[in-house]
Amino acid sequence: MKLVTPSLIALAFLGALALVAAPAPAADKINVLIIDGQNNHGWAKTTPVIKDMLEKNGKFTVDVLTSPPKPDPKKPMTDAEKKAAEEGWAKFRPDFTKYQVVFSNYNGQDWPAEVNAAFEKYMQNGGGLVIFHAANNSFTKWTEWAKMVALLWQGAPNGDRITVDDSGKIVRTPKGEGIGAGHGPQHPYELVVRDKEHPITKGMPEKLMHVKDELYQGQRGPGENMDILMTAFASPDVKGSGTNEPMVFTVKYGKGRVFVNLLGHDEKSTAEPACTILLLRGTEWAATGQVTIPVPATLAADATAAAAASK
């Protein structure tokens, strides 16, 4: 559409994914850079899960770049800590050109302007970007980043809202009207495929259960060059918006490809079937524009069982 601790089910699912894709020769593997280090979510627990799932699939090699820690406003930094932070940011100069895709598990301080400029160039020239869950909360003042991500966690005055009505029509709510970003309590919910022909979702069940997780609603931004792949109904029964919210989508930016996945609040929901297969296939697509990782035949049943177990 354009415009529990990891359970036995999840572990078996991850094992199956490792088997269905034979390890690629090292020279043919996709180089992935995960950036983390600051986040209002548990990046120190989710990054190892993501790194493990990518590497076990056999198609990816993964490096992790961890930023300097975010200052604690309740605890003033000592002179030594300030110096360490300054030195850390001075060294934070990722060479994006070494990677086919950058996987953002980051939500924190602004990157240095030099890094922003380098990343914009990387994306304009055909780089790949994966936005994982709260990574869309970051850099709300960075105009080009907003174009890459399309919808960010911010208030109603800060951009348009994109939803999908029950007939499948995209609805654009102008900035300043309606709700801003938020979510109700975590709960299992159903994902609905809106673009059945996109390489990421092609061959996936039309409807797919997801485990207990946050369901983002009211995201705001430019909302341009998007292809909405999956939505979820934010039920008023769980303090939801009462409409179908984009949860998985892609964005075009220059020659670059962006995959946005708003699932995965913690390591449990990240490791479950729906989120896992989307991250694998979405990362491959962001890097190459194609998807060769197959959809497991048991996906729908495994996802339903995992969602039931997470209630």
C-alpha atoms as a PDB file:
ATOM      1  CA  MET A   1       0.000   0.000   0.000  1.00  0.00           C
ATOM      2  CA  LYS A   2       1.877   2.942  -1.262  1.00  0.00           C
ATOM      3  CA  LEU A   3       2.002   6.572  -0.535  1.00  0.00           C
ATOM      4  CA  VAL A   4       7.421 -14.183  27.910  1.00  0.00           C
ATOM      5  CA  THR A   5      11.386 -15.068  27.922  1.00  0.00           C
ATOM      6  CA  PRO A   6      11.861 -16.216  24.389  1.00  0.00           C
ATOM      7  CA  SER A   7       9.483 -19.152  24.179  1.00  0.00           C
ATOM      8  CA  LEU A   8      10.252 -22.612  22.845  1.00  0.00           C
ATOM      9  CA  ILE A   9       8.202 -21.642  19.819  1.00  0.00           C
ATOM     10  CA  ALA A  10      10.406 -18.639  19.152  1.00  0.00           C
ATOM     11  CA  LEU A  11      13.609 -20.621  19.674  1.00  0.00           C
ATOM     12  CA  ALA A  12      12.433 -23.346  17.315  1.00  0.00           C
ATOM     13  CA  PHE A  13      11.418 -20.673  14.805  1.00  0.00           C
ATOM     14  CA  LEU A  14      14.856 -19.055  14.922  1.00  0.00           C
ATOM     15  CA  GLY A  15      16.451 -22.444  14.448  1.00  0.00           C
ATOM     16  CA  ALA A  16      14.293 -23.075  11.404  1.00  0.00           C
ATOM     17  CA  LEU A  17      15.304 -19.738   9.931  1.00  0.00           C
ATOM     18  CA  ALA A  18      18.952 -20.677  10.292  1.00  0.00           C
ATOM     19  CA  LEU A  19      18.299 -23.875   8.340  1.00  0.00           C
ATOM     20  CA  VAL A  20      16.192 -22.509   5.488  1.00  0.00           C
ATOM     21  CA  ALA A  21      18.933 -20.151   4.322  1.00  0.00           C
ATOM     22  CA  ALA A  22      22.217 -21.880   3.598  1.00  0.00           C
ATOM     23  CA  PRO A  23      25.199 -19.805   4.773  1.00  0.00           C
ATOM     24  CA  ALA A  24      26.367 -17.498   2.000  1.00  0.00           C
ATOM     25  CA  PRO A  25      30.039 -17.248   1.041  1.00  0.00           C
ATOM     26  CA  ALA A  26      31.702 -14.556   3.155  1.00  0.00           C
ATOM     27  CA  ALA A  27      32.299 -12.334   0.122  1.00  0.00           C
ATOM     28  CA  ASP A  28      28.588 -12.431  -0.702  1.00  0.00           C
ATOM     29  CA  LYS A  29      27.292 -11.619   2.758  1.00  0.00           C
ATOM     30  CA  ILE A  30      25.493  -8.383   3.525  1.00  0.00           C
ATOM     31  CA  ASN A  31      27.455  -6.097   5.836  1.00  0.00           C
ATOM     32  CA  VAL A  32      25.242  -4.635   8.575  1.00  0.00           C
ATOM     33  CA  LEU A  33      26.102  -1.902  11.066  1.00  0.00           C
ATOM     34  CA  ILE A  34      23.914  -1.798  14.181  1.00  0.00           C
ATOM     35  CA  ILE A  35      24.073   1.527  16.010  1.00  0.00           C
ATOM     36  CA  ASP A  36      22.958   1.587  19.648  1.00  0.00           C
ATOM     37  CA  GLY A  37      24.127   3.015  22.972  1.00  0.00           C
ATOM     38  CA  GLN A  38      21.309   5.380  23.855  1.00  0.00           C
ATOM     39  CA  ASN A  39      17.621   4.504  23.941  1.00  0.00           C
ATOM     40  CA  ASN A  40      14.618   4.785  26.234  1.00  0.00           C
ATOM     41  CA  HIS A  41      14.224   1.060  25.556  1.00  0.00           C
ATOM     42  CA  GLY A  42      16.566  -1.784  26.521  1.00  0.00           C
ATOM     43  CA  TRP A  43      19.049  -1.638  23.658  1.00  0.00           C
ATOM     44  CA  ALA A  44      21.613  -3.666  25.623  1.00  0.00           C
ATOM     45  CA  LYS A  45      19.186  -6.603  25.536  1.00  0.00           C
ATOM     46  CA  THR A  46      17.646  -6.189  22.079  1.00  0.00           C
ATOM     47  CA  THR A  47      20.871  -5.616  20.126  1.00  0.00           C
ATOM     48  CA  PRO A  48      22.292  -9.085  20.986  1.00  0.00           C
ATOM     49  CA  VAL A  49      18.994 -10.688  19.914  1.00  0.00           C
ATOM     50  CA  ILE A  50      19.043  -8.819  16.591  1.00  0.00           C
ATOM     51  CA  LYS A  51      22.733  -9.528  15.960  1.00  0.00           C
ATOM     52  CA  ASP A  52      22.222 -13.210  16.727  1.00  0.00           C
ATOM     53  CA  MET A  53      19.189 -13.594  14.452  1.00  0.00           C
ATOM     54  CA  LEU A  54      20.971 -11.906  11.543  1.00  0.00           C
ATOM     55  CA  GLU A  55      24.177 -13.901  11.908  1.00  0.00           C
ATOM     56  CA  LYS A  56      22.410 -17.238  12.418  1.00  0.00           C
ATOM     57  CA  ASN A  57      20.494 -16.713   9.202  1.00  0.00           C
ATOM     58  CA  GLY A  58      23.838 -16.932   7.397  1.00  0.00           C
ATOM     59  CA  LYS A  59      23.274 -14.049   4.992  1.00  0.00           C
ATOM     60  CA  PHE A  60      24.676 -11.227   7.122  1.00  0.00           C
ATOM     61  CA  THR A  61      27.840 -10.099   8.843  1.00  0.00           C
ATOM     62  CA  VAL A  62      27.192  -7.681  11.697  1.00  0.00           C
ATOM     63  CA  ASP A  63      29.211  -4.970  13.429  1.00  0.00           C
ATOM     64  CA  VAL A  64      27.887  -3.017  16.408  1.00  0.00           C
ATOM     65  CA  LEU A  65      28.753   0.621  17.101  1.00  0.00           C
ATOM     66  CA  THR A  66      27.789   1.799  20.587  1.00  0.00           C
ATOM     67  CA  SER A  67      27.601   5.526  21.208  1.00  0.00           C
ATOM     68  CA  PRO A  68      28.800   7.279  24.364  1.00  0.00           C
ATOM     69  CA  PRO A  69      26.203   6.979  27.153  1.00  0.00           C
ATOM     70  CA  LYS A  70      23.480   9.554  27.562  1.00  0.00           C
ATOM     71  CA  PRO A  71      24.014  11.976  30.463  1.00  0.00           C
ATOM     72  CA  ASP A  72      21.762  11.480  33.468  1.00  0.00           C
ATOM     73  CA  PRO A  73      19.931  14.791  34.129  1.00  0.00           C
ATOM     74  CA  LYS A  74      19.521  13.773  37.779  1.00  0.00           C
ATOM     75  CA  LYS A  75      23.249  13.282  38.221  1.00  0.00           C
ATOM     76  CA  PRO A  76      25.559  16.061  36.995  1.00  0.00           C
ATOM     77  CA  MET A  77      28.608  14.778  35.149  1.00  0.00           C
ATOM     78  CA  THR A  78      32.025  15.111  36.689  1.00  0.00           C
ATOM     79  CA  ASP A  79      34.758  16.830  34.719  1.00  0.00           C
ATOM     80  CA  ALA A  80      36.244  13.420  33.958  1.00  0.00           C
ATOM     81  CA  GLU A  81      32.922  12.117  32.687  1.00  0.00           C
ATOM     82  CA  LYS A  82      32.420  15.201  30.506  1.00  0.00           C
ATOM     83  CA  LYS A  83      35.874  14.750  29.016  1.00  0.00           C
ATOM     84  CA  ALA A  84      35.225  11.065  28.352  1.00  0.00           C
ATOM     85  CA  ALA A  85      31.925  11.893  26.640  1.00  0.00           C
ATOM     86  CA  GLU A  86      33.542  14.564  24.471  1.00  0.00           C
ATOM     87  CA  GLU A  87      36.321  12.185  23.475  1.00  0.00           C
ATOM     88  CA  GLY A  88      33.767   9.458  22.756  1.00  0.00           C
ATOM     89  CA  TRP A  89      31.738  11.666  20.438  1.00  0.00           C
ATOM     90  CA  ALA A  90      34.913  12.899  18.745  1.00  0.00           C
ATOM     91  CA  LYS A  91      35.668   9.263  17.869  1.00  0.00           C
ATOM     92  CA  PHE A  92      32.099   8.523  16.785  1.00  0.00           C
ATOM     93  CA  ARG A  93      32.737   8.679  13.059  1.00  0.00           C
ATOM     94  CA  PRO A  94      31.229   5.567  11.447  1.00  0.00           C
ATOM     95  CA  ASP A  95      32.348   4.744   7.924  1.00  0.00           C
ATOM     96  CA  PHE A  96      28.915   4.080   6.493  1.00  0.00           C
ATOM     97  CA  THR A  97      30.362   3.179   3.085  1.00  0.00           C
ATOM     98  CA  LYS A  98      31.638  -0.127   4.524  1.00  0.00           C
ATOM     99  CA  TYR A  99      28.075  -1.299   5.019  1.00  0.00           C
ATOM    100  CA  GLN A 100      25.128  -2.078   2.796  1.00  0.00           C
ATOM    101  CA  VAL A 101      22.661  -1.310   5.558  1.00  0.00           C
ATOM    102  CA  VAL A 102      22.647   0.613   8.840  1.00  0.00           C
ATOM    103  CA  PHE A 103      20.345  -0.806  11.509  1.00  0.00           C
ATOM    104  CA  SER A 104      19.305   1.855  14.018  1.00  0.00           C
ATOM    105  CA  ASN A 105      18.557   0.707  17.557  1.00  0.00           C
ATOM    106  CA  TYR A 106      19.333   4.232  18.726  1.00  0.00           C
ATOM    107  CA  ASN A 107      17.188   6.903  20.353  1.00  0.00           C
ATOM    108  CA  GLY A 108      19.232   9.572  22.077  1.00  0.00           C
ATOM    109  CA  GLN A 109      21.459  12.605  21.647  1.00  0.00           C
ATOM    110  CA  ASP A 110      21.995  14.144  18.237  1.00  0.00           C
ATOM    111  CA  TRP A 111      24.911  12.789  16.265  1.00  0.00           C
ATOM    112  CA  PRO A 112      27.670  15.247  15.338  1.00  0.00           C
ATOM    113  CA  ALA A 113      26.802  17.348  12.278  1.00  0.00           C
ATOM    114  CA  GLU A 114      29.664  15.733  10.359  1.00  0.00           C
ATOM    115  CA  VAL A 115      28.111  12.300  10.911  1.00  0.00           C
ATOM    116  CA  ASN A 116      24.669  13.511   9.836  1.00  0.00           C
ATOM    117  CA  ALA A 117      26.094  14.894   6.595  1.00  0.00           C
ATOM    118  CA  ALA A 118      27.951  11.659   5.884  1.00  0.00           C
ATOM    119  CA  PHE A 119      24.825   9.616   6.515  1.00  0.00           C
ATOM    120  CA  GLU A 120      22.691  11.777   4.247  1.00  0.00           C
ATOM    121  CA  LYS A 121      25.240  11.268   1.465  1.00  0.00           C
ATOM    122  CA  TYR A 122      25.336   7.532   2.134  1.00  0.00           C
ATOM    123  CA  MET A 123      21.566   7.278   1.813  1.00  0.00           C
ATOM    124  CA  GLN A 124      21.317   9.560  -1.208  1.00  0.00           C
ATOM    125  CA  ASN A 125      23.850   7.321  -2.963  1.00  0.00           C
ATOM    126  CA  GLY A 126      21.864   4.146  -2.370  1.00  0.00           C
ATOM    127  CA  GLY A 127      22.491   3.075   1.215  1.00  0.00           C
ATOM    128  CA  GLY A 128      20.067   1.082   3.347  1.00  0.00           C
ATOM    129  CA  LEU A 129      18.503   1.955   6.693  1.00  0.00           C
ATOM    130  CA  VAL A 130      16.472  -0.126   9.139  1.00  0.00           C
ATOM    131  CA  ILE A 131      14.485   1.727  11.810  1.00  0.00           C
ATOM    132  CA  PHE A 132      13.767  -0.545  14.758  1.00  0.00           C
ATOM    133  CA  HIS A 133      10.933   0.362  17.143  1.00  0.00           C
ATOM    134  CA  ALA A 134      11.916   3.446  19.204  1.00  0.00           C
ATOM    135  CA  ALA A 135      14.587   4.492  16.706  1.00  0.00           C
ATOM    136  CA  ASN A 136      11.791   6.515  15.110  1.00  0.00           C
ATOM    137  CA  ASN A 137      11.706   8.600  18.319  1.00  0.00           C
ATOM    138  CA  SER A 138      15.095  10.115  17.583  1.00  0.00           C
ATOM    139  CA  PHE A 139      16.380  13.203  15.718  1.00  0.00           C
ATOM    140  CA  THR A 140      13.049  15.021  15.418  1.00  0.00           C
ATOM    141  CA  LYS A 141      14.884  18.259  14.518  1.00  0.00           C
ATOM    142  CA  TRP A 142      16.881  16.645  11.680  1.00  0.00           C
ATOM    143  CA  THR A 143      14.895  17.437   8.522  1.00  0.00           C
ATOM    144  CA  GLU A 144      16.515  14.857   6.269  1.00  0.00           C
ATOM    145  CA  TRP A 145      16.146  12.141   8.895  1.00  0.00           C
ATOM    146  CA  ALA A 146      12.422  12.899   9.070  1.00  0.00           C
ATOM    147  CA  LYS A 147      12.224  12.420   5.299  1.00  0.00           C
ATOM    148  CA  MET A 148      13.974   9.053   5.640  1.00  0.00           C
ATOM    149  CA  VAL A 149      11.758   7.804   8.479  1.00  0.00           C
ATOM    150  CA  ALA A 150       8.480   9.419   7.220  1.00  0.00           C
ATOM    151  CA  LEU A 151       6.642   9.093  10.571  1.00  0.00           C
ATOM    152  CA  LEU A 152       8.242   9.881  13.929  1.00  0.00           C
ATOM    153  CA  TRP A 153       7.248   9.839  17.566  1.00  0.00           C
ATOM    154  CA  GLN A 154       6.190  13.447  18.049  1.00  0.00           C
ATOM    155  CA  GLY A 155       3.198  15.628  18.748  1.00  0.00           C
ATOM    156  CA  ALA A 156       0.363  16.524  16.393  1.00  0.00           C
ATOM    157  CA  PRO A 157       1.752  20.008  15.562  1.00  0.00           C
ATOM    158  CA  ASN A 158       4.939  18.454  14.167  1.00  0.00           C
ATOM    159  CA  GLY A 159       3.696  16.712  11.055  1.00  0.00           C
ATOM    160  CA  ASP A 160       0.967  14.879   9.211  1.00  0.00           C
ATOM    161  CA  ARG A 161      -0.496  11.606  10.413  1.00  0.00           C
ATOM    162  CA  ILE A 162      -0.978   8.616   8.101  1.00  0.00           C
ATOM    163  CA  THR A 163      -3.537   5.879   8.780  1.00  0.00           C
ATOM    164  CA  VAL A 164      -5.532   3.359   6.740  1.00  0.00           C
ATOM    165  CA  ASP A 165      -9.314   3.083   6.834  1.00  0.00           C
ATOM    166  CA  ASP A 166     -11.249  -0.198   6.814  1.00  0.00           C
ATOM    167  CA  SER A 167     -11.572  -0.123   3.014  1.00  0.00           C
ATOM    168  CA  GLY A 168      -7.791   0.045   2.668  1.00  0.00           C
ATOM    169  CA  LYS A 169      -7.668   3.715   1.709  1.00  0.00           C
ATOM    170  CA  ILE A 170      -4.807   5.816   3.045  1.00  0.00           C
ATOM    171  CA  VAL A 171      -5.985   8.706   5.219  1.00  0.00           C
ATOM    172  CA  ARG A 172      -3.787  11.760   5.770  1.00  0.00           C
ATOM    173  CA  THR A 173      -4.567  13.921   8.798  1.00  0.00           C
ATOM    174  CA  PRO A 174      -2.900  17.359   8.586  1.00  0.00           C
ATOM    175  CA  LYS A 175      -0.516  18.448  11.297  1.00  0.00           C
ATOM    176  CA  GLY A 176      -2.220  20.051  14.242  1.00  0.00           C
ATOM    177  CA  GLU A 177      -5.332  17.918  13.852  1.00  0.00           C
ATOM    178  CA  GLY A 178      -6.061  14.791  15.866  1.00  0.00           C
ATOM    179  CA  ILE A 179      -3.801  12.881  18.211  1.00  0.00           C
ATOM    180  CA  GLY A 180      -0.037  12.839  18.449  1.00  0.00           C
ATOM    181  CA  ALA A 181       2.276   9.911  19.072  1.00  0.00           C
ATOM    182  CA  GLY A 182       1.492   7.423  21.816  1.00  0.00           C
ATOM    183  CA  HIS A 183       0.395   3.890  22.600  1.00  0.00           C
ATOM    184  CA  GLY A 184      -1.894   2.037  24.972  1.00  0.00           C
ATOM    185  CA  PRO A 185      -0.854  -0.819  27.264  1.00  0.00           C
ATOM    186  CA  GLN A 186       1.035  -3.685  25.682  1.00  0.00           C
ATOM    187  CA  HIS A 187      -1.115  -6.479  24.260  1.00  0.00           C
ATOM    188  CA  PRO A 188      -1.069  -9.106  21.499  1.00  0.00           C
ATOM    189  CA  TYR A 189      -2.472  -7.811  18.219  1.00  0.00           C
ATOM    190  CA  GLU A 190      -3.077  -8.768  14.614  1.00  0.00           C
ATOM    191  CA  LEU A 191      -0.989  -7.454  11.746  1.00  0.00           C
ATOM    192  CA  VAL A 192      -2.668  -7.066   8.347  1.00  0.00           C
ATOM    193  CA  VAL A 193      -0.650  -7.114   5.131  1.00  0.00           C
ATOM    194  CA  ARG A 194      -1.531  -4.079   3.007  1.00  0.00           C
ATOM    195  CA  ASP A 195       0.952  -4.630   0.161  1.00  0.00           C
ATOM    196  CA  LYS A 196       0.985  -8.299  -0.818  1.00  0.00           C
ATOM    197  CA  GLU A 197       3.407  -7.801  -3.702  1.00  0.00           C
ATOM    198  CA  HIS A 198       6.242  -6.006  -1.931  1.00  0.00           C
ATOM    199  CA  PRO A 199       9.352  -8.226  -1.686  1.00  0.00           C
ATOM    200  CA  ILE A 200       9.291  -8.066   2.129  1.00  0.00           C
ATOM    201  CA  THR A 201       5.682  -9.203   2.557  1.00  0.00           C
ATOM    202  CA  LYS A 202       5.221 -11.292  -0.591  1.00  0.00           C
ATOM    203  CA  GLY A 203       4.291 -14.821   0.419  1.00  0.00           C
ATOM    204  CA  MET A 204       3.461 -13.888   4.008  1.00  0.00           C
ATOM    205  CA  PRO A 205       0.049 -14.694   5.519  1.00  0.00           C
ATOM    206  CA  GLU A 206      -2.476 -11.912   4.884  1.00  0.00           C
ATOM    207  CA  LYS A 207      -3.065 -11.701   8.635  1.00  0.00           C
ATOM    208  CA  LEU A 208      -0.465 -12.493  11.248  1.00  0.00           C
ATOM    209  CA  MET A 209      -0.639 -12.426  15.019  1.00  0.00           C
ATOM    210  CA  HIS A 210       2.040 -10.633  16.995  1.00  0.00           C
ATOM    211  CA  VAL A 211       2.877 -11.112  20.663  1.00  0.00           C
ATOM    212  CA  LYS A 212       2.254  -8.716  23.538  1.00  0.00           C
ATOM    213  CA  ASP A 213       3.927  -5.503  22.432  1.00  0.00           C
ATOM    214  CA  GLU A 214       3.471  -1.755  22.106  1.00  0.00           C
ATOM    215  CA  LEU A 215       1.200  -0.660  19.263  1.00  0.00           C
ATOM    216  CA  TYR A 216       2.366   2.777  18.144  1.00  0.00           C
ATOM    217  CA  GLN A 217      -0.304   5.254  17.083  1.00  0.00           C
ATOM    218  CA  GLY A 218      -0.482   8.884  16.032  1.00  0.00           C
ATOM    219  CA  GLN A 219       3.027   9.004  14.566  1.00  0.00           C
ATOM    220  CA  ARG A 220       3.763  12.298  12.823  1.00  0.00           C
ATOM    221  CA  GLY A 221       6.054  13.476  10.049  1.00  0.00           C
ATOM    222  CA  PRO A 222       6.245  14.302   6.350  1.00  0.00           C
ATOM    223  CA  GLY A 223       4.706  10.906   5.536  1.00  0.00           C
ATOM    224  CA  GLU A 224       6.041  10.967   1.976  1.00  0.00           C
ATOM    225  CA  ASN A 225       7.417   8.297  -0.378  1.00  0.00           C
ATOM    226  CA  MET A 226       5.957   5.571   1.850  1.00  0.00           C
ATOM    227  CA  ASP A 227       4.763   2.091   1.031  1.00  0.00           C
ATOM    228  CA  ILE A 228       2.671   0.778   3.928  1.00  0.00           C
ATOM    229  CA  LEU A 229       3.298  -2.953   4.220  1.00  0.00           C
ATOM    230  CA  MET A 230       1.392  -3.848   7.410  1.00  0.00           C
ATOM    231  CA  THR A 231      -1.049  -2.162   9.766  1.00  0.00           C
ATOM    232  CA  ALA A 232      -2.541  -3.026  13.145  1.00  0.00           C
ATOM    233  CA  PHE A 233      -5.904  -1.926  14.530  1.00  0.00           C
ATOM    234  CA  ALA A 234      -5.424   0.196  17.639  1.00  0.00           C
ATOM    235  CA  SER A 235      -8.515  -0.826  19.565  1.00  0.00           C
ATOM    236  CA  PRO A 236     -10.195   1.716  21.870  1.00  0.00           C
ATOM    237  CA  ASP A 237     -10.548  -1.190  24.312  1.00  0.00           C
ATOM    238  CA  VAL A 238      -6.804  -0.845  24.990  1.00  0.00           C
ATOM    239  CA  LYS A 239      -6.686   2.961  24.780  1.00  0.00           C
ATOM    240  CA  GLY A 240      -6.110   2.858  21.046  1.00  0.00           C
ATOM    241  CA  SER A 241      -6.942   5.345  18.305  1.00  0.00           C
ATOM    242  CA  GLY A 242      -9.745   3.263  16.795  1.00  0.00           C
ATOM    243  CA  THR A 243      -8.130   2.968  13.385  1.00  0.00           C
ATOM    244  CA  ASN A 244      -5.485   1.033  11.452  1.00  0.00           C
ATOM    245  CA  GLU A 245      -2.006   2.280  12.271  1.00  0.00           C
ATOM    246  CA  PRO A 246       1.050   1.732  10.028  1.00  0.00           C
ATOM    247  CA  MET A 247       3.415  -0.636  11.836  1.00  0.00           C
ATOM    248  CA  VAL A 248       5.681  -1.799   9.021  1.00  0.00           C
ATOM    249  CA  PHE A 249       6.514   0.326   5.993  1.00  0.00           C
ATOM    250  CA  THR A 250       9.227   1.358   3.593  1.00  0.00           C
ATOM    251  CA  VAL A 251      10.416   4.797   2.495  1.00  0.00           C
ATOM    252  CA  LYS A 252      12.365   5.947  -0.539  1.00  0.00           C
ATOM    253  CA  TYR A 253      15.090   8.528   0.090  1.00  0.00           C
ATOM    254  CA  GLY A 254      17.233   9.490  -2.882  1.00  0.00           C
ATOM    255  CA  LYS A 255      18.602   6.188  -4.173  1.00  0.00           C
ATOM    256  CA  GLY A 256      18.387   4.731  -0.682  1.00  0.00           C
ATOM    257  CA  ARG A 257      15.917   2.288   0.850  1.00  0.00           C
ATOM    258  CA  VAL A 258      14.453   2.564   4.359  1.00  0.00           C
ATOM    259  CA  PHE A 259      12.640  -0.214   6.218  1.00  0.00           C
ATOM    260  CA  VAL A 260      10.661   0.880   9.286  1.00  0.00           C
ATOM    261  CA  ASN A 261       9.580  -1.788  11.783  1.00  0.00           C
ATOM    262  CA  LEU A 262       7.749  -0.458  14.849  1.00  0.00           C
ATOM    263  CA  LEU A 263       7.464  -3.881  16.506  1.00  0.00           C
ATOM    264  CA  GLY A 264       9.869  -5.051  19.198  1.00  0.00           C
ATOM    265  CA  HIS A 265       9.602  -3.202  22.493  1.00  0.00           C
ATOM    266  CA  ASP A 266      11.898  -5.644  24.293  1.00  0.00           C
ATOM    267  CA  GLU A 267      14.003  -8.764  23.689  1.00  0.00           C
ATOM    268  CA  LYS A 268      10.965 -11.052  24.029  1.00  0.00           C
ATOM    269  CA  SER A 269       8.810  -9.388  21.384  1.00  0.00           C
ATOM    270  CA  THR A 270      11.854  -8.904  19.129  1.00  0.00           C
ATOM    271  CA  ALA A 271      12.646 -12.634  19.123  1.00  0.00           C
ATOM    272  CA  GLU A 272       9.111 -13.816  18.337  1.00  0.00           C
ATOM    273  CA  PRO A 273       8.092 -15.072  14.859  1.00  0.00           C
ATOM    274  CA  ALA A 274       6.405 -12.047  13.257  1.00  0.00           C
ATOM    275  CA  CYS A 275       9.075  -9.558  14.279  1.00  0.00           C
ATOM    276  CA  THR A 276      11.933 -11.925  13.457  1.00  0.00           C
ATOM    277  CA  ILE A 277      10.935 -12.698   9.877  1.00  0.00           C
ATOM    278  CA  LEU A 278      10.141  -9.046   9.190  1.00  0.00           C
ATOM    279  CA  LEU A 279      13.539  -7.909  10.494  1.00  0.00           C
ATOM    280  CA  LEU A 280      15.373 -10.524   8.444  1.00  0.00           C
ATOM    281  CA  ARG A 281      13.554  -9.861   5.191  1.00  0.00           C
ATOM    282  CA  GLY A 282      13.392  -6.095   5.777  1.00  0.00           C
ATOM    283  CA  THR A 283      17.117  -5.845   6.445  1.00  0.00           C
ATOM    284  CA  GLU A 284      17.912  -7.799   3.285  1.00  0.00           C
ATOM    285  CA  TRP A 285      15.589  -5.587   1.248  1.00  0.00           C
ATOM    286  CA  ALA A 286      17.013  -2.350   2.670  1.00  0.00           C
ATOM    287  CA  ALA A 287      20.488  -3.546   1.730  1.00  0.00           C
ATOM    288  CA  THR A 288      19.789  -4.952  -1.742  1.00  0.00           C
ATOM    289  CA  GLY A 289      16.273  -4.096  -2.890  1.00  0.00           C
ATOM    290  CA  GLN A 290      15.523  -7.822  -3.092  1.00  0.00           C
ATOM    291  CA  VAL A 291      14.436 -10.551  -0.687  1.00  0.00           C
ATOM    292  CA  THR A 292      15.644 -14.143  -0.915  1.00  0.00           C
ATOM    293  CA  ILE A 293      15.003 -15.216   2.692  1.00  0.00           C
ATOM    294  CA  PRO A 294      11.964 -17.525   2.555  1.00  0.00           C
ATOM    295  CA  VAL A 295       8.842 -17.247   4.664  1.00  0.00           C
ATOM    296  CA  PRO A 296       8.721 -20.286   6.992  1.00  0.00           C
ATOM    297  CA  ALA A 297       5.778 -22.556   6.224  1.00  0.00           C
ATOM    298  CA  THR A 298       4.856 -22.611   9.914  1.00  0.00           C
ATOM    299  CA  LEU A 299       4.933 -18.837  10.383  1.00  0.00           C
ATOM    300  CA  ALA A 300       1.209 -18.247  10.911  1.00  0.00           C
ATOM    301  CA  ALA A 301       0.791 -21.124  13.355  1.00  0.00           C
ATOM    302  CA  ASP A 302       3.963 -20.270  15.286  1.00  0.00           C
ATOM    303  CA  ALA A 303       3.033 -16.593  15.496  1.00  0.00           C
ATOM    304  CA  THR A 304      -0.493 -17.379  16.706  1.00  0.00           C
ATOM    305  CA  ALA A 305       0.796 -19.757  19.375  1.00  0.00           C
ATOM    306  CA  ALA A 306       3.422 -17.255  20.520  1.00  0.00           C
ATOM    307  CA  ALA A 307       0.832 -14.474  20.748  1.00  0.00           C
ATOM    308  CA  ALA A 308      -1.494 -16.674  22.790  1.00  0.00           C
ATOM    309  CA  ALA A 309       1.338 -17.567  25.146  1.00  0.00           C
ATOM    310  CA  SER A 310       2.207 -13.887  25.637  1.00  0.00           C
ATOM    311  CA  LYS A 311      -1.229 -12.795  26.872  1.00  0.00           C
END
